[in-house]
């Protein structure tokens, strides 16, 4: 599901950029979070969408 991050939450395991308060994120059923539709230095970070183009599981829980 898509959500807005309410507080800083470390780094995105896909792009390694910081997940910051106010970022638009995707929250997976396993509760892991990733960038969804963020703009960082004029580059769009749709980390989870791009990941799911080639993978069908959570980057941090591939066996789930």
PDB file of N, CA and C in Angstrom:
ATOM      1  N   UNK A   1       0.839  -1.188   0.000  1.00  0.00           N
ATOM      2  CA  UNK A   1       0.000   0.000   0.000  1.00  0.00           C
ATOM      3  C   UNK A   1       0.879   1.244   0.000  1.00  0.00           C
ATOM      4  N   UNK A   2       0.346   2.339  -0.490  1.00  0.00           N
ATOM      5  CA  UNK A   2       1.085   3.599  -0.573  1.00  0.00           C
ATOM      6  C   UNK A   2       0.776   4.447   0.653  1.00  0.00           C
ATOM      7  N   UNK A   3       1.791   5.134   1.165  1.00  0.00           N
ATOM      8  CA  UNK A   3       1.636   5.888   2.396  1.00  0.00           C
ATOM      9  C   UNK A   3       2.661   7.019   2.399  1.00  0.00           C
ATOM     10  N   UNK A   4       2.555   7.930   3.359  1.00  0.00           N
ATOM     11  CA  UNK A   4       3.542   8.989   3.560  1.00  0.00           C
ATOM     12  C   UNK A   4       4.240   8.703   4.888  1.00  0.00           C
ATOM     13  N   UNK A   5       5.547   8.721   4.867  1.00  0.00           N
ATOM     14  CA  UNK A   5       6.347   8.381   6.039  1.00  0.00           C
ATOM     15  C   UNK A   5       6.213   9.452   7.110  1.00  0.00           C
ATOM     16  N   UNK A   6       5.881   9.040   8.330  1.00  0.00           N
ATOM     17  CA  UNK A   6       5.658   9.990   9.416  1.00  0.00           C
ATOM     18  C   UNK A   6       6.942  10.355  10.175  1.00  0.00           C
ATOM     19  N   UNK A   7       8.016   9.561   9.996  1.00  0.00           N
ATOM     20  CA  UNK A   7       9.300   9.891  10.622  1.00  0.00           C
ATOM     21  C   UNK A   7      10.413   9.219   9.822  1.00  0.00           C
ATOM     22  N   UNK A   8      11.635   9.720   9.961  1.00  0.00           N
ATOM     23  CA  UNK A   8      12.784   9.143   9.270  1.00  0.00           C
ATOM     24  C   UNK A   8      12.877   7.661   9.614  1.00  0.00           C
ATOM     25  N   UNK A   9      13.298   6.835   8.631  1.00  0.00           N
ATOM     26  CA  UNK A   9      13.284   5.390   8.854  1.00  0.00           C
ATOM     27  C   UNK A   9      14.498   4.680   8.259  1.00  0.00           C
ATOM     28  N   UNK A  10      15.678   5.277   8.340  1.00  0.00           N
ATOM     29  CA  UNK A  10      16.867   4.609   7.826  1.00  0.00           C
ATOM     30  C   UNK A  10      16.958   4.710   6.318  1.00  0.00           C
ATOM     31  N   UNK A  11      17.537   3.677   5.685  1.00  0.00           N
ATOM     32  CA  UNK A  11      17.722   3.754   4.247  1.00  0.00           C
ATOM     33  C   UNK A  11      16.901   2.718   3.505  1.00  0.00           C
ATOM     34  N   UNK A  12      16.583   3.055   2.281  1.00  0.00           N
ATOM     35  CA  UNK A  12      15.867   2.157   1.384  1.00  0.00           C
ATOM     36  C   UNK A  12      16.841   1.046   0.979  1.00  0.00           C
ATOM     37  N   UNK A  13      16.445  -0.213   1.145  1.00  0.00           N
ATOM     38  CA  UNK A  13      17.323  -1.340   0.824  1.00  0.00           C
ATOM     39  C   UNK A  13      17.557  -1.498  -0.680  1.00  0.00           C
ATOM     40  N   UNK A  14      16.786  -0.796  -1.498  1.00  0.00           N
ATOM     41  CA  UNK A  14      16.951  -0.905  -2.952  1.00  0.00           C
ATOM     42  C   UNK A  14      17.922   0.157  -3.469  1.00  0.00           C
ATOM     43  N   UNK A  15      17.665   1.435  -3.170  1.00  0.00           N
ATOM     44  CA  UNK A  15      18.507   2.514  -3.711  1.00  0.00           C
ATOM     45  C   UNK A  15      19.543   3.022  -2.710  1.00  0.00           C
ATOM     46  N   UNK A  16      19.399   2.653  -1.451  1.00  0.00           N
ATOM     47  CA  UNK A  16      20.304   3.036  -0.360  1.00  0.00           C
ATOM     48  C   UNK A  16      20.230   4.518   0.012  1.00  0.00           C
ATOM     49  N   UNK A  17      19.219   5.229  -0.495  1.00  0.00           N
ATOM     50  CA  UNK A  17      18.973   6.617  -0.081  1.00  0.00           C
ATOM     51  C   UNK A  17      18.132   6.609   1.189  1.00  0.00           C
ATOM     52  N   UNK A  18      18.257   7.665   1.977  1.00  0.00           N
ATOM     53  CA  UNK A  18      17.520   7.758   3.231  1.00  0.00           C
ATOM     54  C   UNK A  18      16.011   7.840   3.009  1.00  0.00           C
ATOM     55  N   UNK A  19      15.266   7.153   3.843  1.00  0.00           N
ATOM     56  CA  UNK A  19      13.806   7.267   3.903  1.00  0.00           C
ATOM     57  C   UNK A  19      13.516   8.368   4.918  1.00  0.00           C
ATOM     58  N   UNK A  20      12.997   9.496   4.440  1.00  0.00           N
ATOM     59  CA  UNK A  20      12.814  10.659   5.306  1.00  0.00           C
ATOM     60  C   UNK A  20      11.349  10.989   5.506  1.00  0.00           C
ATOM     61  N   UNK A  21      11.091  11.621   6.646  1.00  0.00           N
ATOM     62  CA  UNK A  21       9.731  12.065   6.959  1.00  0.00           C
ATOM     63  C   UNK A  21       9.147  12.818   5.768  1.00  0.00           C
ATOM     64  N   UNK A  22       7.918  12.476   5.399  1.00  0.00           N
ATOM     65  CA  UNK A  22       7.241  13.120   4.286  1.00  0.00           C
ATOM     66  C   UNK A  22       7.413  12.405   2.959  1.00  0.00           C
ATOM     67  N   UNK A  23       8.351  11.447   2.876  1.00  0.00           N
ATOM     68  CA  UNK A  23       8.527  10.681   1.640  1.00  0.00           C
ATOM     69  C   UNK A  23       7.294   9.826   1.371  1.00  0.00           C
ATOM     70  N   UNK A  24       6.972   9.674   0.087  1.00  0.00           N
ATOM     71  CA  UNK A  24       5.929   8.736  -0.303  1.00  0.00           C
ATOM     72  C   UNK A  24       6.572   7.359  -0.348  1.00  0.00           C
ATOM     73  N   UNK A  25       5.956   6.407   0.324  1.00  0.00           N
ATOM     74  CA  UNK A  25       6.526   5.064   0.427  1.00  0.00           C
ATOM     75  C   UNK A  25       5.496   4.010   0.036  1.00  0.00           C
ATOM     76  N   UNK A  26       6.005   2.834  -0.250  1.00  0.00           N
ATOM     77  CA  UNK A  26       5.165   1.657  -0.413  1.00  0.00           C
ATOM     78  C   UNK A  26       5.467   0.750   0.781  1.00  0.00           C
ATOM     79  N   UNK A  27       4.424   0.264   1.423  1.00  0.00           N
ATOM     80  CA  UNK A  27       4.585  -0.645   2.562  1.00  0.00           C
ATOM     81  C   UNK A  27       4.085  -2.018   2.117  1.00  0.00           C
ATOM     82  N   UNK A  28       4.970  -2.998   2.140  1.00  0.00           N
ATOM     83  CA  UNK A  28       4.624  -4.348   1.726  1.00  0.00           C
ATOM     84  C   UNK A  28       3.917  -5.098   2.860  1.00  0.00           C
ATOM     85  N   UNK A  29       3.278  -6.232   2.574  1.00  0.00           N
ATOM     86  CA  UNK A  29       2.612  -7.009   3.628  1.00  0.00           C
ATOM     87  C   UNK A  29       3.552  -7.424   4.767  1.00  0.00           C
ATOM     88  N   UNK A  30       4.844  -7.584   4.463  1.00  0.00           N
ATOM     89  CA  UNK A  30       5.827  -7.941   5.499  1.00  0.00           C
ATOM     90  C   UNK A  30       6.221  -6.726   6.339  1.00  0.00           C
ATOM     91  N   UNK A  31       5.666  -5.548   6.016  1.00  0.00           N
ATOM     92  CA  UNK A  31       5.881  -4.254   6.681  1.00  0.00           C
ATOM     93  C   UNK A  31       7.180  -3.552   6.295  1.00  0.00           C
ATOM     94  N   UNK A  32       7.943  -4.109   5.345  1.00  0.00           N
ATOM     95  CA  UNK A  32       9.117  -3.407   4.823  1.00  0.00           C
ATOM     96  C   UNK A  32       8.632  -2.203   4.008  1.00  0.00           C
ATOM     97  N   UNK A  33       9.431  -1.140   3.997  1.00  0.00           N
ATOM     98  CA  UNK A  33       9.046   0.072   3.273  1.00  0.00           C
ATOM     99  C   UNK A  33      10.131   0.481   2.284  1.00  0.00           C
ATOM    100  N   UNK A  34       9.678   1.070   1.156  1.00  0.00           N
ATOM    101  CA  UNK A  34      10.567   1.486   0.086  1.00  0.00           C
ATOM    102  C   UNK A  34      10.022   2.760  -0.539  1.00  0.00           C
ATOM    103  N   UNK A  35      10.888   3.509  -1.235  1.00  0.00           N
ATOM    104  CA  UNK A  35      10.447   4.720  -1.936  1.00  0.00           C
ATOM    105  C   UNK A  35       9.398   4.387  -2.992  1.00  0.00           C
ATOM    106  N   UNK A  36       8.448   5.284  -3.130  1.00  0.00           N
ATOM    107  CA  UNK A  36       7.430   5.158  -4.179  1.00  0.00           C
ATOM    108  C   UNK A  36       7.137   6.565  -4.686  1.00  0.00           C
ATOM    109  N   UNK A  37       7.657   6.904  -5.844  1.00  0.00           N
ATOM    110  CA  UNK A  37       7.351   8.191  -6.459  1.00  0.00           C
ATOM    111  C   UNK A  37       8.089   9.377  -5.870  1.00  0.00           C
ATOM    112  N   UNK A  38       9.242   9.184  -5.253  1.00  0.00           N
ATOM    113  CA  UNK A  38      10.018  10.298  -4.704  1.00  0.00           C
ATOM    114  C   UNK A  38      10.893  10.914  -5.770  1.00  0.00           C
ATOM    115  N   UNK A  39      11.221  12.179  -5.617  1.00  0.00           N
ATOM    116  CA  UNK A  39      12.182  12.856  -6.488  1.00  0.00           C
ATOM    117  C   UNK A  39      13.402  13.172  -5.636  1.00  0.00           C
ATOM    118  N   UNK A  40      14.562  12.693  -6.075  1.00  0.00           N
ATOM    119  CA  UNK A  40      15.814  12.909  -5.361  1.00  0.00           C
ATOM    120  C   UNK A  40      16.839  13.412  -6.375  1.00  0.00           C
ATOM    121  N   UNK A  41      17.323  14.636  -6.207  1.00  0.00           N
ATOM    122  CA  UNK A  41      18.277  15.240  -7.141  1.00  0.00           C
ATOM    123  C   UNK A  41      17.782  15.113  -8.584  1.00  0.00           C
ATOM    124  N   UNK A  42      16.502  15.467  -8.800  1.00  0.00           N
ATOM    125  CA  UNK A  42      15.853  15.432 -10.108  1.00  0.00           C
ATOM    126  C   UNK A  42      15.719  14.024 -10.685  1.00  0.00           C
ATOM    127  N   UNK A  43      15.944  12.994  -9.866  1.00  0.00           N
ATOM    128  CA  UNK A  43      15.796  11.619 -10.318  1.00  0.00           C
ATOM    129  C   UNK A  43      14.604  11.020  -9.571  1.00  0.00           C
ATOM    130  N   UNK A  44      13.698  10.399 -10.289  1.00  0.00           N
ATOM    131  CA  UNK A  44      12.541   9.791  -9.642  1.00  0.00           C
ATOM    132  C   UNK A  44      12.925   8.463  -9.015  1.00  0.00           C
ATOM    133  N   UNK A  45      12.541   8.278  -7.760  1.00  0.00           N
ATOM    134  CA  UNK A  45      12.813   7.032  -7.062  1.00  0.00           C
ATOM    135  C   UNK A  45      11.509   6.253  -6.913  1.00  0.00           C
ATOM    136  N   UNK A  46      11.272   5.358  -7.815  1.00  0.00           N
ATOM    137  CA  UNK A  46      10.140   4.446  -7.736  1.00  0.00           C
ATOM    138  C   UNK A  46      10.721   3.073  -7.448  1.00  0.00           C
ATOM    139  N   UNK A  47      11.490   2.990  -6.395  1.00  0.00           N
ATOM    140  CA  UNK A  47      12.294   1.814  -6.106  1.00  0.00           C
ATOM    141  C   UNK A  47      11.494   0.518  -6.159  1.00  0.00           C
ATOM    142  N   UNK A  48      10.392   0.473  -5.445  1.00  0.00           N
ATOM    143  CA  UNK A  48       9.666  -0.785  -5.348  1.00  0.00           C
ATOM    144  C   UNK A  48       9.003  -1.149  -6.669  1.00  0.00           C
ATOM    145  N   UNK A  49       8.517  -0.162  -7.430  1.00  0.00           N
ATOM    146  CA  UNK A  49       7.917  -0.463  -8.729  1.00  0.00           C
ATOM    147  C   UNK A  49       8.959  -1.046  -9.683  1.00  0.00           C
ATOM    148  N   UNK A  50      10.144  -0.426  -9.706  1.00  0.00           N
ATOM    149  CA  UNK A  50      11.210  -0.921 -10.571  1.00  0.00           C
ATOM    150  C   UNK A  50      11.675  -2.305 -10.128  1.00  0.00           C
ATOM    151  N   UNK A  51      11.742  -2.537  -8.822  1.00  0.00           N
ATOM    152  CA  UNK A  51      12.125  -3.847  -8.292  1.00  0.00           C
ATOM    153  C   UNK A  51      11.129  -4.914  -8.750  1.00  0.00           C
ATOM    154  N   UNK A  52       9.843  -4.616  -8.638  1.00  0.00           N
ATOM    155  CA  UNK A  52       8.820  -5.593  -9.001  1.00  0.00           C
ATOM    156  C   UNK A  52       8.729  -5.851 -10.506  1.00  0.00           C
ATOM    157  N   UNK A  53       9.360  -5.013 -11.322  1.00  0.00           N
ATOM    158  CA  UNK A  53       9.404  -5.301 -12.757  1.00  0.00           C
ATOM    159  C   UNK A  53      10.222  -6.551 -13.045  1.00  0.00           C
ATOM    160  N   UNK A  54      11.196  -6.871 -12.172  1.00  0.00           N
ATOM    161  CA  UNK A  54      12.049  -8.043 -12.393  1.00  0.00           C
ATOM    162  C   UNK A  54      12.010  -9.056 -11.250  1.00  0.00           C
ATOM    163  N   UNK A  55      11.391  -8.706 -10.130  1.00  0.00           N
ATOM    164  CA  UNK A  55      11.307  -9.591  -8.964  1.00  0.00           C
ATOM    165  C   UNK A  55       9.880  -9.595  -8.435  1.00  0.00           C
ATOM    166  N   UNK A  56       9.469 -10.661  -7.815  1.00  0.00           N
ATOM    167  CA  UNK A  56       8.108 -10.719  -7.287  1.00  0.00           C
ATOM    168  C   UNK A  56       8.073 -10.864  -5.764  1.00  0.00           C
ATOM    169  N   UNK A  57       9.202 -10.664  -5.097  1.00  0.00           N
ATOM    170  CA  UNK A  57       9.224 -10.795  -3.638  1.00  0.00           C
ATOM    171  C   UNK A  57       9.911  -9.589  -3.011  1.00  0.00           C
ATOM    172  N   UNK A  58       9.741  -9.454  -1.709  1.00  0.00           N
ATOM    173  CA  UNK A  58      10.379  -8.379  -0.966  1.00  0.00           C
ATOM    174  C   UNK A  58      11.899  -8.495  -1.078  1.00  0.00           C
ATOM    175  N   UNK A  59      12.626  -7.394  -1.309  1.00  0.00           N
ATOM    176  CA  UNK A  59      14.077  -7.445  -1.388  1.00  0.00           C
ATOM    177  C   UNK A  59      14.730  -7.952  -0.106  1.00  0.00           C
ATOM    178  N   UNK A  60      14.083  -7.743   1.026  1.00  0.00           N
ATOM    179  CA  UNK A  60      14.667  -8.162   2.298  1.00  0.00           C
ATOM    180  C   UNK A  60      14.142  -9.510   2.785  1.00  0.00           C
ATOM    181  N   UNK A  61      13.086 -10.009   2.151  1.00  0.00           N
ATOM    182  CA  UNK A  61      12.484 -11.300   2.531  1.00  0.00           C
ATOM    183  C   UNK A  61      12.162 -12.105   1.263  1.00  0.00           C
ATOM    184  N   UNK A  62      13.174 -12.496   0.505  1.00  0.00           N
ATOM    185  CA  UNK A  62      12.929 -13.144  -0.796  1.00  0.00           C
ATOM    186  C   UNK A  62      12.201 -14.477  -0.702  1.00  0.00           C
ATOM    187  N   UNK A  63      12.235 -15.129   0.422  1.00  0.00           N
ATOM    188  CA  UNK A  63      11.564 -16.439   0.539  1.00  0.00           C
ATOM    189  C   UNK A  63      10.098 -16.323   0.940  1.00  0.00           C
ATOM    190  N   UNK A  64       9.633 -15.111   1.308  1.00  0.00           N
ATOM    191  CA  UNK A  64       8.232 -14.942   1.742  1.00  0.00           C
ATOM    192  C   UNK A  64       7.285 -14.910   0.568  1.00  0.00           C
TER     193      UNK A  64
END
